[in-house]
Amino acid sequence: MAYLQAKDTISGQEGRAYTTINGVVEEMFYVKTLEATIEKEKAEIKTLGRRGTQHKATGWSGSGSMTIYYTTSKFRKMMTDYISKGKDTYFDITIVNEDPTSSTGTQRIILTGVNLDSVIIAKLDTESDALDEDIDFTFEGVEIKDSFNALQ
């Protein structure tokens, strides 16, 4: 009987993330957590001869959130560009999961058309050892560049 070996699980610290903004790629070394979700949009369909409601996929929506250490002004500058000039920035985020201990290999996902929902513009906290901030975003597309290997 096959089972998942502990060594094949993926360590949350064995990953990287990169932004691509206006063609410039930069490592997001300040990321603590990042999560992106795709949610299907569904219509309820009722048909003759059936009492139950069926569901039909009609689209999708991508959203996410990340917690980052409060060490970059990049996202605040994007938001103030929108406020002062009306210039909204869309960019890509590449997320790489790659744990050298695991035989699952590498997974590389690219979120395209990422757009920020909100940013903390300024922060102070006398109780914090390290300032961080939560940033919510949406995205317009996704590409799977590399997939995990199938486990045997």
C-alpha atoms as a PDB file:
ATOM      1  CA  MET A   1       0.000   0.000   0.000  1.00  0.00           C
ATOM      2  CA  ALA A   2       1.351   3.431  -0.947  1.00  0.00           C
ATOM      3  CA  TYR A   3       1.506   6.277   1.542  1.00  0.00           C
ATOM      4  CA  LEU A   4       2.902   9.786   1.691  1.00  0.00           C
ATOM      5  CA  GLN A   5       6.337   9.882   3.251  1.00  0.00           C
ATOM      6  CA  ALA A   6       7.023  12.812   5.569  1.00  0.00           C
ATOM      7  CA  LYS A   7      10.151  13.735   3.590  1.00  0.00           C
ATOM      8  CA  ASP A   8       7.979  14.360   0.516  1.00  0.00           C
ATOM      9  CA  THR A   9       5.860  17.060   2.144  1.00  0.00           C
ATOM     10  CA  ILE A  10       6.812  20.586   1.139  1.00  0.00           C
ATOM     11  CA  SER A  11       8.414  22.886   3.709  1.00  0.00           C
ATOM     12  CA  GLY A  12       6.742  26.277   3.751  1.00  0.00           C
ATOM     13  CA  GLN A  13      10.140  27.961   4.005  1.00  0.00           C
ATOM     14  CA  GLU A  14      11.484  26.279   0.860  1.00  0.00           C
ATOM     15  CA  GLY A  15       9.988  28.656  -1.641  1.00  0.00           C
ATOM     16  CA  ARG A  16      10.476  31.893  -3.487  1.00  0.00           C
ATOM     17  CA  ALA A  17       8.296  34.578  -4.998  1.00  0.00           C
ATOM     18  CA  TYR A  18       9.088  37.159  -7.676  1.00  0.00           C
ATOM     19  CA  THR A  19       7.260  40.206  -9.002  1.00  0.00           C
ATOM     20  CA  THR A  20       7.455  41.255 -12.621  1.00  0.00           C
ATOM     21  CA  ILE A  21       6.497  44.918 -12.844  1.00  0.00           C
ATOM     22  CA  ASN A  22       6.934  46.748 -16.148  1.00  0.00           C
ATOM     23  CA  GLY A  23       9.332  44.010 -17.284  1.00  0.00           C
ATOM     24  CA  VAL A  24      11.536  44.244 -14.176  1.00  0.00           C
ATOM     25  CA  VAL A  25      11.833  41.023 -12.138  1.00  0.00           C
ATOM     26  CA  GLU A  26      12.537  41.321  -8.418  1.00  0.00           C
ATOM     27  CA  GLU A  27      12.656  38.661  -5.715  1.00  0.00           C
ATOM     28  CA  MET A  28      10.065  39.158  -2.981  1.00  0.00           C
ATOM     29  CA  PHE A  29      12.367  38.107  -0.132  1.00  0.00           C
ATOM     30  CA  TYR A  30      10.116  39.993   2.322  1.00  0.00           C
ATOM     31  CA  VAL A  31       7.132  37.623   1.916  1.00  0.00           C
ATOM     32  CA  LYS A  32       6.017  35.760   5.065  1.00  0.00           C
ATOM     33  CA  THR A  33       2.922  34.124   3.585  1.00  0.00           C
ATOM     34  CA  LEU A  34       1.211  34.217   0.213  1.00  0.00           C
ATOM     35  CA  GLU A  35      -1.986  32.485  -0.827  1.00  0.00           C
ATOM     36  CA  ALA A  36      -3.946  32.748  -4.060  1.00  0.00           C
ATOM     37  CA  THR A  37      -7.380  31.220  -4.656  1.00  0.00           C
ATOM     38  CA  ILE A  38      -9.476  30.616  -7.746  1.00  0.00           C
ATOM     39  CA  GLU A  39     -13.211  30.561  -7.166  1.00  0.00           C
ATOM     40  CA  LYS A  40     -15.664  29.343  -9.791  1.00  0.00           C
ATOM     41  CA  GLU A  41     -18.701  31.449 -10.463  1.00  0.00           C
ATOM     42  CA  LYS A  42     -21.770  29.252 -10.887  1.00  0.00           C
ATOM     43  CA  ALA A  43     -25.331  29.783 -12.016  1.00  0.00           C
ATOM     44  CA  GLU A  44     -28.195  27.851 -10.460  1.00  0.00           C
ATOM     45  CA  ILE A  45     -30.106  25.986 -13.152  1.00  0.00           C
ATOM     46  CA  LYS A  46     -33.540  24.445 -12.653  1.00  0.00           C
ATOM     47  CA  THR A  47     -34.785  21.961 -15.224  1.00  0.00           C
ATOM     48  CA  LEU A  48     -38.042  20.165 -15.879  1.00  0.00           C
ATOM     49  CA  GLY A  49     -38.298  16.704 -14.387  1.00  0.00           C
ATOM     50  CA  ARG A  50     -35.860  17.391 -11.590  1.00  0.00           C
ATOM     51  CA  ARG A  51     -36.674  18.862  -8.208  1.00  0.00           C
ATOM     52  CA  GLY A  52     -33.095  19.677  -7.321  1.00  0.00           C
ATOM     53  CA  THR A  53     -31.127  22.680  -8.448  1.00  0.00           C
ATOM     54  CA  GLN A  54     -28.167  22.015 -10.696  1.00  0.00           C
ATOM     55  CA  HIS A  55     -25.107  24.210 -11.037  1.00  0.00           C
ATOM     56  CA  LYS A  56     -23.276  25.352 -14.133  1.00  0.00           C
ATOM     57  CA  ALA A  57     -19.877  27.011 -14.084  1.00  0.00           C
ATOM     58  CA  THR A  58     -20.079  30.425 -15.750  1.00  0.00           C
ATOM     59  CA  GLY A  59     -16.704  31.955 -14.960  1.00  0.00           C
ATOM     60  CA  TRP A  60     -14.079  32.388 -12.299  1.00  0.00           C
ATOM     61  CA  SER A  61     -12.464  34.954 -10.073  1.00  0.00           C
ATOM     62  CA  GLY A  62      -8.918  35.045  -8.708  1.00  0.00           C
ATOM     63  CA  SER A  63      -8.005  36.639  -5.412  1.00  0.00           C
ATOM     64  CA  GLY A  64      -5.237  36.379  -2.887  1.00  0.00           C
ATOM     65  CA  SER A  65      -3.494  37.766   0.112  1.00  0.00           C
ATOM     66  CA  MET A  66       0.038  38.025   1.355  1.00  0.00           C
ATOM     67  CA  THR A  67       1.668  39.012   4.592  1.00  0.00           C
ATOM     68  CA  ILE A  68       4.978  40.733   4.098  1.00  0.00           C
ATOM     69  CA  TYR A  69       7.554  42.241   6.374  1.00  0.00           C
ATOM     70  CA  TYR A  70       7.195  46.022   6.416  1.00  0.00           C
ATOM     71  CA  THR A  71      10.454  46.588   4.509  1.00  0.00           C
ATOM     72  CA  THR A  72       9.421  47.750   1.048  1.00  0.00           C
ATOM     73  CA  SER A  73       7.731  50.920  -0.197  1.00  0.00           C
ATOM     74  CA  LYS A  74       7.032  49.402  -3.639  1.00  0.00           C
ATOM     75  CA  PHE A  75       3.337  48.736  -3.017  1.00  0.00           C
ATOM     76  CA  ARG A  76       2.755  52.063  -1.261  1.00  0.00           C
ATOM     77  CA  LYS A  77       4.273  53.831  -4.291  1.00  0.00           C
ATOM     78  CA  MET A  78       1.938  51.908  -6.599  1.00  0.00           C
ATOM     79  CA  MET A  79      -1.042  53.021  -4.538  1.00  0.00           C
ATOM     80  CA  THR A  80       0.045  56.668  -4.374  1.00  0.00           C
ATOM     81  CA  ASP A  81       0.602  56.629  -8.174  1.00  0.00           C
ATOM     82  CA  TYR A  82      -3.021  55.583  -8.479  1.00  0.00           C
ATOM     83  CA  ILE A  83      -4.179  58.277  -6.038  1.00  0.00           C
ATOM     84  CA  SER A  84      -2.200  61.151  -7.547  1.00  0.00           C
ATOM     85  CA  LYS A  85      -2.003  60.228 -11.257  1.00  0.00           C
ATOM     86  CA  GLY A  86      -4.787  57.709 -11.787  1.00  0.00           C
ATOM     87  CA  LYS A  87      -2.155  55.180 -12.935  1.00  0.00           C
ATOM     88  CA  ASP A  88      -3.149  51.687 -11.810  1.00  0.00           C
ATOM     89  CA  THR A  89      -0.432  49.040 -11.921  1.00  0.00           C
ATOM     90  CA  TYR A  90      -0.987  45.428 -12.950  1.00  0.00           C
ATOM     91  CA  PHE A  91       1.887  43.005 -12.507  1.00  0.00           C
ATOM     92  CA  ASP A  92       2.757  39.303 -12.262  1.00  0.00           C
ATOM     93  CA  ILE A  93       3.808  37.229  -9.267  1.00  0.00           C
ATOM     94  CA  THR A  94       5.710  33.963  -9.728  1.00  0.00           C
ATOM     95  CA  ILE A  95       5.509  31.542  -6.800  1.00  0.00           C
ATOM     96  CA  VAL A  96       8.027  28.686  -6.648  1.00  0.00           C
ATOM     97  CA  ASN A  97       7.687  25.711  -4.269  1.00  0.00           C
ATOM     98  CA  GLU A  98      10.929  23.754  -4.279  1.00  0.00           C
ATOM     99  CA  ASP A  99      11.960  21.634  -1.307  1.00  0.00           C
ATOM    100  CA  PRO A 100      15.244  19.817  -2.069  1.00  0.00           C
ATOM    101  CA  THR A 101      14.393  17.072   0.459  1.00  0.00           C
ATOM    102  CA  SER A 102      11.139  16.152  -1.296  1.00  0.00           C
ATOM    103  CA  SER A 103      10.958  13.933  -4.356  1.00  0.00           C
ATOM    104  CA  THR A 104       7.930  15.921  -5.557  1.00  0.00           C
ATOM    105  CA  GLY A 105      10.145  18.341  -7.466  1.00  0.00           C
ATOM    106  CA  THR A 106       9.290  21.935  -8.244  1.00  0.00           C
ATOM    107  CA  GLN A 107       5.978  23.712  -8.756  1.00  0.00           C
ATOM    108  CA  ARG A 108       6.054  27.134 -10.437  1.00  0.00           C
ATOM    109  CA  ILE A 109       2.834  29.160 -10.689  1.00  0.00           C
ATOM    110  CA  ILE A 110       2.542  32.587 -12.308  1.00  0.00           C
ATOM    111  CA  LEU A 111      -0.317  34.862 -11.303  1.00  0.00           C
ATOM    112  CA  THR A 112      -0.881  37.381 -14.100  1.00  0.00           C
ATOM    113  CA  GLY A 113      -2.632  40.725 -13.985  1.00  0.00           C
ATOM    114  CA  VAL A 114      -2.202  41.090 -10.227  1.00  0.00           C
ATOM    115  CA  ASN A 115      -3.832  44.255  -8.878  1.00  0.00           C
ATOM    116  CA  LEU A 116      -3.685  45.431  -5.270  1.00  0.00           C
ATOM    117  CA  ASP A 117      -6.882  45.971  -3.277  1.00  0.00           C
ATOM    118  CA  SER A 118      -5.366  47.775  -0.314  1.00  0.00           C
ATOM    119  CA  VAL A 119      -2.059  48.576   1.337  1.00  0.00           C
ATOM    120  CA  ILE A 120      -1.068  49.964   4.703  1.00  0.00           C
ATOM    121  CA  ILE A 121       0.260  53.430   3.936  1.00  0.00           C
ATOM    122  CA  ALA A 122       2.004  53.928   7.315  1.00  0.00           C
ATOM    123  CA  LYS A 123       2.482  51.818  10.427  1.00  0.00           C
ATOM    124  CA  LEU A 124       3.886  51.997  13.952  1.00  0.00           C
ATOM    125  CA  ASP A 125       3.634  49.300  16.621  1.00  0.00           C
ATOM    126  CA  THR A 126       5.585  49.417  19.887  1.00  0.00           C
ATOM    127  CA  GLU A 127       4.591  45.808  20.685  1.00  0.00           C
ATOM    128  CA  SER A 128       5.971  44.288  17.486  1.00  0.00           C
ATOM    129  CA  ASP A 129       9.420  42.728  17.137  1.00  0.00           C
ATOM    130  CA  ALA A 130       9.152  43.045  13.344  1.00  0.00           C
ATOM    131  CA  LEU A 131       6.535  45.112  11.532  1.00  0.00           C
ATOM    132  CA  ASP A 132       4.507  43.321   8.887  1.00  0.00           C
ATOM    133  CA  GLU A 133       1.497  44.099   6.734  1.00  0.00           C
ATOM    134  CA  ASP A 134      -1.330  42.221   5.025  1.00  0.00           C
ATOM    135  CA  ILE A 135      -2.022  42.963   1.368  1.00  0.00           C
ATOM    136  CA  ASP A 136      -5.071  41.702  -0.519  1.00  0.00           C
ATOM    137  CA  PHE A 137      -5.098  41.442  -4.307  1.00  0.00           C
ATOM    138  CA  THR A 138      -6.920  40.095  -7.326  1.00  0.00           C
ATOM    139  CA  PHE A 139      -5.459  38.474 -10.422  1.00  0.00           C
ATOM    140  CA  GLU A 140      -6.698  38.004 -13.976  1.00  0.00           C
ATOM    141  CA  GLY A 141      -4.883  34.852 -15.088  1.00  0.00           C
ATOM    142  CA  VAL A 142      -2.750  31.936 -13.974  1.00  0.00           C
ATOM    143  CA  GLU A 143      -0.089  29.799 -15.636  1.00  0.00           C
ATOM    144  CA  ILE A 144       1.346  26.541 -14.301  1.00  0.00           C
ATOM    145  CA  LYS A 145       4.934  26.545 -15.561  1.00  0.00           C
ATOM    146  CA  ASP A 146       6.139  23.502 -13.560  1.00  0.00           C
ATOM    147  CA  SER A 147       4.091  20.849 -11.760  1.00  0.00           C
ATOM    148  CA  PHE A 148       4.960  18.605  -8.848  1.00  0.00           C
ATOM    149  CA  ASN A 149       5.959  15.048  -9.759  1.00  0.00           C
ATOM    150  CA  ALA A 150       3.403  12.306  -9.130  1.00  0.00           C
ATOM    151  CA  LEU A 151       4.331  10.370  -5.992  1.00  0.00           C
ATOM    152  CA  GLN A 152       4.514   6.590  -6.212  1.00  0.00           C
END
